[in-house]
Each structure stands twice: as C-alpha cells, then as structure tokens.
Amino acid sequence: MIVAAGLTPAWQQVLLLDGLRIGEVNRAREAHWCASGKVLNVGLALHHLGGPSLTLALAGGPGGEGIDLELAALGVPRRLVWSKSPTRVCTTLLDPATETTTELVENAAPVAPGEIASFIAAYEEAAKGARMAVLSGSLPAGTPSTFYRDLAARTPGRVVLDARGPELLEALPLRPLCAKPNREELGRTFGRELRSDAELREAMEEVNRLGAEWVVVSQGKGALWATSAGRLQVFEPARVRTVNPIGCGDCLAAGIAWAADRGMDMPEAIRFGMAAAAENAAALLPARLDLARVRRRMEDVARLG
C-alpha cells in the first residue's frame, strides 16, 4: 500500500474563461468544483493508477464535506482527520485563448496542536501497512517544522517527500528515497535564487548530502533534473497541449512512488512520473489519470543523460 499524507488539501473551483481581463467582469463558460491540493492530488493520482492506496488528510467545514463526498463518489480510500478550521478554497482561472493559468490560493488556516497530534497518530496507524508514503504540501501556520520528520520517523517503508524550506531540511536526516521540490522551492529552501545550472546542481547535491537518496527538480515545461550519488540525470518532458497544469508536480510525485513501489529503478520511475504529469496537464481536472495513457506517454519522455 502507498499512503498519501498532508495537512493542506483544497476544495478547488476551476473556471474556464474566454479571456481573462484584469479589472473587468469575467464570465466563465464552464465552472467545476473538485477535491484538490497537493495531498489530495497525490491520493487521486495513486487511486486512478491502481493498486492499494490510502489518502490521509486534514479536513474541515463545507470544503471538507465536499472533499469527502467527492472522494467517496470516486471510490478513493481515505481517512480524513476532522479539524475545527475549515478547509481552504482555491480558484483556478483557465484562459485557453492565451494558454495561461491564474491560481488564486487561500492559505490554510492554523491547526490546533491537538489536531496535529491526532493526525500523527492516524498516520502512524496507516503507515504500518505501507511500503511507500508520499508526504506533500505546505504546512499551516504554527505547525512545527519537524512535522514531516515526525511522519517519516513513523514510516517503515520508503518516503517520497514533496516539501520545501525548514520542513524539507528537518526531514532529510531520515533519508527519504526522493525529495521533489521545484527549482523555485529549492532556491527558497536555501535562501538564494538558483540562477545558473551550476547553482541548481550544487543545491540538489547538497540535499543529497543531507540525506535524500534522490533529488528530483521539475522546471515546468523545461528539462527535469535528478541527482543521486554524485551523478546528474536529465529528462525531457513529453510534449502535450496543456489544458490545466495544476497538480502536475503532485502527479509526478505520485507516479514516481507508484512505479518505484512496483520495482522500476528510479530513472524509469522518474520517466513514469513525468508521463503522469503530462497526462495531468492535458486534462481539465487535476490528478484524474488514465494508466494506459500514462504508459503510452512514457514513451515520449526522453532520458538525455
């Protein structure tokens, strides 16, 4: 089993526009509501790829109820730890005419210490039967930066960690299989902008030295970099017509975990994760993947070195 765990899901509104005009009235020709946020995107992706998985998330208020209903309708195995803080609402504005995406993100509300303790206890129980865990998402204000370290310490299986900043650094001594920040997040983690390729590689290898077996850094439509044991590998993404890029990084993390759990070596698992990200980009709603199409898209992911 693979567990997807995190504290910051979202009840997501997706609006499809005929052109976004700042400062004017914009009418959507389509509107959709869906469960999203990093932890739910990972859980949804794992469920659609197939095989046993469990999504563990914090939820509260009307958004949490909406998430629970949709996950139930999709048959997603889940355990929601209920919070007095309402689940955040985020909005995605899609403008096909200019192929631009605008994301309006509500920060997650602070979580009471007792709710954090309840979540960790629920995770410890869930992780007992897990061969792999994907820990992802930002932390609500006031959450200890040791949160992911505390989860990793309770994980008997391997860990894919999609985090940034102090929470990433705190967890690295637990030696996750893979750390997966994007380029901007990695720079923020070390407090500097990674302008050159040499600076990017240096930062990635520092994360390796601090404990991550693999470091995977996505760069949007650009090449993906991966480092391990002093070696850099570069992958070229599959080219797709992007409908909605939200959740691509989450599907990358889920795909890597899913493929590694099934015995693929890490370079091939990374290619599979990139194919899952490409499949996600081509769809309107995040993380509703099709395994057969992901496998076909994997053929278009080039390993450059």
Protein backbone atom coordinates (compact mmCIF):
# COMPACT_ATOMS: atom_id res chain seq x y z
CA MET A 1 0.00 0.00 0.00
CA ILE A 2 1.03 3.61 -0.64
CA VAL A 3 -0.08 6.35 1.76
CA ALA A 4 -0.51 9.96 0.63
CA ALA A 5 -0.45 12.31 3.62
CA GLY A 6 -0.62 16.07 4.15
CA LEU A 7 -2.32 18.86 6.04
CA THR A 8 -3.34 21.29 3.29
CA PRO A 9 -5.97 19.93 0.90
CA ALA A 10 -8.17 22.33 -1.03
CA TRP A 11 -11.73 22.49 -2.25
CA GLN A 12 -10.97 23.75 -5.75
CA GLN A 13 -13.02 25.84 -8.15
CA VAL A 14 -11.93 25.64 -11.79
CA LEU A 15 -13.26 28.38 -14.08
CA LEU A 16 -12.82 28.17 -17.85
CA LEU A 17 -12.85 31.65 -19.38
CA ASP A 18 -12.96 33.06 -22.90
CA GLY A 19 -10.26 35.55 -21.94
CA LEU A 20 -9.13 36.96 -18.60
CA ARG A 21 -9.42 40.73 -18.36
CA ILE A 22 -7.96 42.18 -15.18
CA GLY A 23 -10.15 44.87 -13.61
CA GLU A 24 -13.24 43.84 -15.59
CA VAL A 25 -16.18 41.46 -15.19
CA ASN A 26 -15.16 37.98 -16.36
CA ARG A 27 -17.84 35.39 -17.08
CA ALA A 28 -16.91 31.73 -17.07
CA ARG A 29 -18.25 29.43 -19.75
CA GLU A 30 -17.56 26.43 -17.53
CA ALA A 31 -17.28 26.06 -13.75
CA HIS A 32 -16.22 22.95 -11.85
CA TRP A 33 -15.64 22.09 -8.20
CA CYS A 34 -13.26 19.30 -7.22
CA ALA A 35 -11.07 17.91 -4.46
CA SER A 36 -7.50 19.15 -4.91
CA GLY A 37 -4.44 20.44 -3.08
CA LYS A 38 -1.17 18.52 -3.10
CA VAL A 39 -2.10 15.69 -0.76
CA LEU A 40 -5.42 15.01 -2.50
CA ASN A 41 -3.89 15.27 -5.96
CA VAL A 42 -1.33 12.64 -4.96
CA GLY A 43 -4.03 10.42 -3.47
CA LEU A 44 -6.30 10.79 -6.50
CA ALA A 45 -3.44 10.04 -8.87
CA LEU A 46 -2.46 6.90 -6.94
CA HIS A 47 -6.07 5.71 -6.88
CA HIS A 48 -6.50 6.17 -10.62
CA LEU A 49 -3.20 4.45 -11.39
CA GLY A 50 -4.48 1.45 -9.43
CA GLY A 51 -3.36 -0.71 -6.55
CA PRO A 52 -3.90 -0.26 -2.83
CA SER A 53 -3.52 3.29 -1.54
CA LEU A 54 -4.83 5.45 1.27
CA THR A 55 -5.23 9.22 1.35
CA LEU A 56 -4.83 10.80 4.78
CA ALA A 57 -5.69 14.49 5.03
CA LEU A 58 -6.96 17.14 7.41
CA ALA A 59 -10.42 18.47 6.55
CA GLY A 60 -12.99 20.82 7.98
CA GLY A 61 -16.05 22.91 7.20
CA PRO A 62 -18.08 22.87 3.96
CA GLY A 63 -14.98 22.37 1.82
CA GLY A 64 -14.02 19.31 3.84
CA GLU A 65 -17.52 17.91 3.43
CA GLY A 66 -17.34 18.48 -0.33
CA ILE A 67 -14.00 16.69 -0.48
CA ASP A 68 -15.34 13.73 1.48
CA LEU A 69 -18.36 13.40 -0.80
CA GLU A 70 -16.30 13.53 -3.99
CA LEU A 71 -13.68 11.09 -2.79
CA ALA A 72 -16.47 8.74 -1.74
CA ALA A 73 -18.09 9.03 -5.17
CA LEU A 74 -14.77 8.23 -6.85
CA GLY A 75 -14.13 5.30 -4.52
CA VAL A 76 -10.89 6.78 -3.17
CA PRO A 77 -9.78 5.03 0.06
CA ARG A 78 -9.36 7.82 2.57
CA ARG A 79 -9.10 8.79 6.18
CA LEU A 80 -9.95 12.38 6.98
CA VAL A 81 -8.92 13.86 10.31
CA TRP A 82 -11.55 16.48 11.04
CA SER A 83 -10.49 19.95 12.08
CA LYS A 84 -12.31 22.96 13.52
CA SER A 85 -10.52 25.04 10.87
CA PRO A 86 -12.36 24.99 7.52
CA THR A 87 -10.58 23.54 4.51
CA ARG A 88 -9.31 26.32 2.27
CA VAL A 89 -10.95 27.20 -1.03
CA CYS A 90 -8.73 27.87 -4.05
CA THR A 91 -9.64 29.01 -7.57
CA THR A 92 -8.03 28.20 -10.91
CA LEU A 93 -8.69 30.55 -13.84
CA LEU A 94 -8.01 28.94 -17.23
CA ASP A 95 -7.74 31.09 -20.35
CA PRO A 96 -7.39 28.80 -23.38
CA ALA A 97 -7.01 31.73 -25.77
CA THR A 98 -3.69 32.73 -24.23
CA GLU A 99 -2.92 29.30 -22.70
CA THR A 100 -2.43 30.94 -19.31
CA THR A 101 -3.39 29.71 -15.86
CA THR A 102 -4.04 32.00 -12.92
CA GLU A 103 -4.20 30.46 -9.47
CA LEU A 104 -5.91 32.17 -6.53
CA VAL A 105 -4.64 30.41 -3.42
CA GLU A 106 -6.05 30.70 0.08
CA ASN A 107 -3.51 29.88 2.78
CA ALA A 108 -4.52 27.06 5.08
CA ALA A 109 -5.79 28.16 8.47
CA PRO A 110 -3.72 27.37 11.57
CA VAL A 111 -4.32 23.94 13.08
CA ALA A 112 -4.67 23.27 16.80
CA PRO A 113 -1.86 21.23 18.41
CA GLY A 114 -4.34 18.54 19.42
CA GLU A 115 -5.38 18.12 15.79
CA ILE A 116 -1.74 17.76 14.72
CA ALA A 117 -1.31 15.05 17.37
CA SER A 118 -4.46 13.27 16.12
CA PHE A 119 -3.17 13.40 12.56
CA ILE A 120 0.22 11.95 13.53
CA ALA A 121 -1.49 9.14 15.45
CA ALA A 122 -3.72 8.38 12.44
CA TYR A 123 -0.67 8.39 10.18
CA GLU A 124 1.27 6.03 12.42
CA GLU A 125 -1.59 3.55 12.23
CA ALA A 126 -1.95 3.90 8.45
CA ALA A 127 1.78 3.67 7.75
CA LYS A 128 2.14 0.28 9.47
CA GLY A 129 0.98 -1.46 6.32
CA ALA A 130 2.55 0.89 3.79
CA ARG A 131 5.52 0.08 1.60
CA MET A 132 5.68 3.68 0.42
CA ALA A 133 4.50 7.08 1.63
CA VAL A 134 4.20 10.39 -0.22
CA LEU A 135 4.37 13.33 2.18
CA SER A 136 3.42 16.56 0.48
CA GLY A 137 2.21 20.11 0.83
CA SER A 138 2.92 23.29 2.72
CA LEU A 139 2.33 23.40 6.46
CA PRO A 140 -0.36 25.58 8.09
CA ALA A 141 0.92 28.46 10.19
CA GLY A 142 2.08 27.31 13.59
CA THR A 143 2.76 23.70 12.55
CA PRO A 144 6.18 22.57 13.80
CA SER A 145 8.79 22.41 11.04
CA THR A 146 9.56 18.90 12.31
CA PHE A 147 6.16 17.65 11.11
CA TYR A 148 7.41 15.68 8.10
CA ARG A 149 10.38 14.41 10.08
CA ASP A 150 7.92 13.09 12.67
CA LEU A 151 5.90 11.33 9.95
CA ALA A 152 8.99 9.90 8.25
CA ALA A 153 10.17 8.51 11.59
CA ARG A 154 6.88 6.58 11.78
CA THR A 155 7.17 5.19 8.24
CA PRO A 156 8.54 1.65 7.95
CA GLY A 157 8.54 1.91 4.14
CA ARG A 158 10.20 4.35 1.76
CA VAL A 159 9.30 8.05 1.59
CA VAL A 160 8.81 10.46 -1.30
CA LEU A 161 8.92 13.97 0.15
CA ASP A 162 7.43 16.93 -1.72
CA ALA A 163 8.20 19.83 0.59
CA ARG A 164 10.35 22.94 0.85
CA GLY A 165 12.06 25.11 3.40
CA PRO A 166 12.67 24.09 7.02
CA GLU A 167 10.22 21.18 6.85
CA LEU A 168 12.24 19.66 3.99
CA LEU A 169 15.59 20.20 5.71
CA GLU A 170 14.33 18.81 9.02
CA ALA A 171 13.22 15.54 7.36
CA LEU A 172 16.34 14.85 5.29
CA PRO A 173 18.27 13.02 8.05
CA LEU A 174 15.53 10.33 7.84
CA ARG A 175 16.93 9.54 4.36
CA PRO A 176 13.87 9.72 2.08
CA LEU A 177 14.01 7.83 -1.19
CA CYS A 178 13.26 11.03 -3.07
CA ALA A 179 12.95 14.75 -2.35
CA LYS A 180 10.97 16.59 -5.03
CA PRO A 181 10.99 20.40 -4.84
CA ASN A 182 10.75 22.52 -7.95
CA ARG A 183 13.56 24.94 -8.81
CA GLU A 184 11.97 27.93 -7.10
CA GLU A 185 11.16 25.93 -3.95
CA LEU A 186 14.71 24.59 -3.77
CA GLY A 187 16.11 28.10 -4.01
CA ARG A 188 13.80 29.32 -1.26
CA THR A 189 14.85 26.38 0.89
CA PHE A 190 18.45 27.60 0.84
CA GLY A 191 17.57 31.30 0.81
CA ARG A 192 19.03 32.08 -2.59
CA GLU A 193 17.97 32.28 -6.22
CA LEU A 194 19.33 29.46 -8.36
CA ARG A 195 20.17 31.45 -11.47
CA SER A 196 22.65 29.12 -13.16
CA ASP A 197 22.67 25.40 -13.86
CA ALA A 198 25.77 25.11 -11.69
CA GLU A 199 23.92 26.70 -8.76
CA LEU A 200 20.97 24.37 -9.27
CA ARG A 201 23.15 21.26 -9.31
CA GLU A 202 25.07 22.42 -6.24
CA ALA A 203 21.82 22.89 -4.29
CA MET A 204 20.49 19.49 -5.40
CA GLU A 205 23.66 17.72 -4.37
CA GLU A 206 23.52 19.47 -1.01
CA VAL A 207 20.09 17.91 -0.47
CA ASN A 208 21.63 14.54 -1.36
CA ARG A 209 24.41 15.08 1.17
CA LEU A 210 21.85 15.98 3.82
CA GLY A 211 20.11 12.64 3.34
CA ALA A 212 17.92 12.30 0.23
CA GLU A 213 18.84 9.31 -1.91
CA TRP A 214 17.41 11.05 -4.98
CA VAL A 215 16.61 14.70 -5.61
CA VAL A 216 14.17 15.44 -8.44
CA VAL A 217 13.69 19.05 -9.55
CA SER A 218 10.99 19.94 -12.06
CA GLN A 219 11.17 23.11 -14.13
CA GLY A 220 7.74 23.44 -15.73
CA LYS A 221 8.00 22.60 -19.43
CA GLY A 222 11.78 22.57 -19.19
CA ALA A 223 14.04 19.62 -18.57
CA LEU A 224 13.73 17.74 -15.30
CA TRP A 225 16.92 17.16 -13.33
CA ALA A 226 17.65 14.30 -10.95
CA THR A 227 20.73 13.73 -8.82
CA SER A 228 21.91 10.72 -6.83
CA ALA A 229 25.32 9.53 -5.66
CA GLY A 230 27.07 12.46 -7.34
CA ARG A 231 25.51 11.81 -10.75
CA LEU A 232 23.19 14.15 -12.66
CA GLN A 233 20.50 12.75 -14.95
CA VAL A 234 18.40 14.93 -17.25
CA PHE A 235 14.96 14.08 -18.69
CA GLU A 236 13.00 15.82 -21.42
CA PRO A 237 9.24 16.03 -20.72
CA ALA A 238 6.63 14.70 -23.11
CA ARG A 239 5.10 17.47 -25.19
CA VAL A 240 1.36 17.91 -24.68
CA ARG A 241 -1.20 20.62 -25.22
CA THR A 242 -1.66 21.95 -21.71
CA VAL A 243 -5.23 22.34 -20.54
CA ASN A 244 -4.61 22.74 -16.80
CA PRO A 245 -1.11 22.50 -15.27
CA ILE A 246 -2.34 22.44 -11.66
CA GLY A 247 -1.35 19.17 -10.00
CA CYS A 248 1.42 18.21 -12.42
CA GLY A 249 4.08 18.17 -9.70
CA ASP A 250 1.78 16.11 -7.49
CA CYS A 251 1.22 13.57 -10.25
CA LEU A 252 4.99 13.45 -10.78
CA ALA A 253 5.47 12.56 -7.11
CA ALA A 254 2.64 10.02 -7.17
CA GLY A 255 3.93 8.45 -10.37
CA ILE A 256 7.46 8.08 -9.01
CA ALA A 257 6.14 6.42 -5.84
CA TRP A 258 3.76 4.13 -7.76
CA ALA A 259 6.42 3.00 -10.22
CA ALA A 260 9.17 2.56 -7.62
CA ASP A 261 6.79 0.51 -5.50
CA ARG A 262 6.30 -1.81 -8.46
CA GLY A 263 10.00 -2.41 -8.89
CA MET A 264 11.05 0.11 -11.54
CA ASP A 265 14.52 1.53 -11.00
CA MET A 266 14.49 5.23 -10.16
CA PRO A 267 15.32 6.61 -13.62
CA GLU A 268 12.41 4.64 -15.08
CA ALA A 269 10.18 5.61 -12.15
CA ILE A 270 11.01 9.25 -12.84
CA ARG A 271 10.08 8.80 -16.51
CA PHE A 272 6.79 7.24 -15.44
CA GLY A 273 6.14 10.13 -13.05
CA MET A 274 6.82 12.62 -15.83
CA ALA A 275 4.35 10.77 -18.06
CA ALA A 276 1.75 11.03 -15.27
CA ALA A 277 2.43 14.78 -15.07
CA ALA A 278 1.97 15.11 -18.84
CA GLU A 279 -1.32 13.20 -18.68
CA ASN A 280 -2.45 15.52 -15.91
CA ALA A 281 -1.57 18.66 -17.88
CA ALA A 282 -3.75 17.52 -20.78
CA ALA A 283 -6.90 17.20 -18.61
CA LEU A 284 -9.24 19.79 -17.13
CA LEU A 285 -9.43 18.45 -13.56
CA PRO A 286 -6.25 17.54 -11.66
CA ALA A 287 -4.99 14.02 -10.99
CA ARG A 288 -7.77 12.07 -12.70
CA LEU A 289 -5.25 9.88 -14.54
CA ASP A 290 -5.64 7.03 -17.01
CA LEU A 291 -2.99 4.33 -16.56
CA ALA A 292 -2.97 3.18 -20.19
CA ARG A 293 -2.43 6.72 -21.47
CA VAL A 294 0.27 7.34 -18.88
CA ARG A 295 2.13 4.25 -20.09
CA ARG A 296 1.89 5.49 -23.69
CA ARG A 297 3.10 8.96 -22.75
CA MET A 298 6.10 7.42 -21.01
CA GLU A 299 7.43 6.53 -24.47
CA ASP A 300 7.66 10.28 -25.20
CA VAL A 301 9.75 11.10 -22.11
CA ALA A 302 13.38 11.22 -23.23
CA ARG A 303 16.32 10.45 -20.96
CA LEU A 304 19.08 12.81 -22.08
CA GLY A 305 21.86 11.69 -19.80
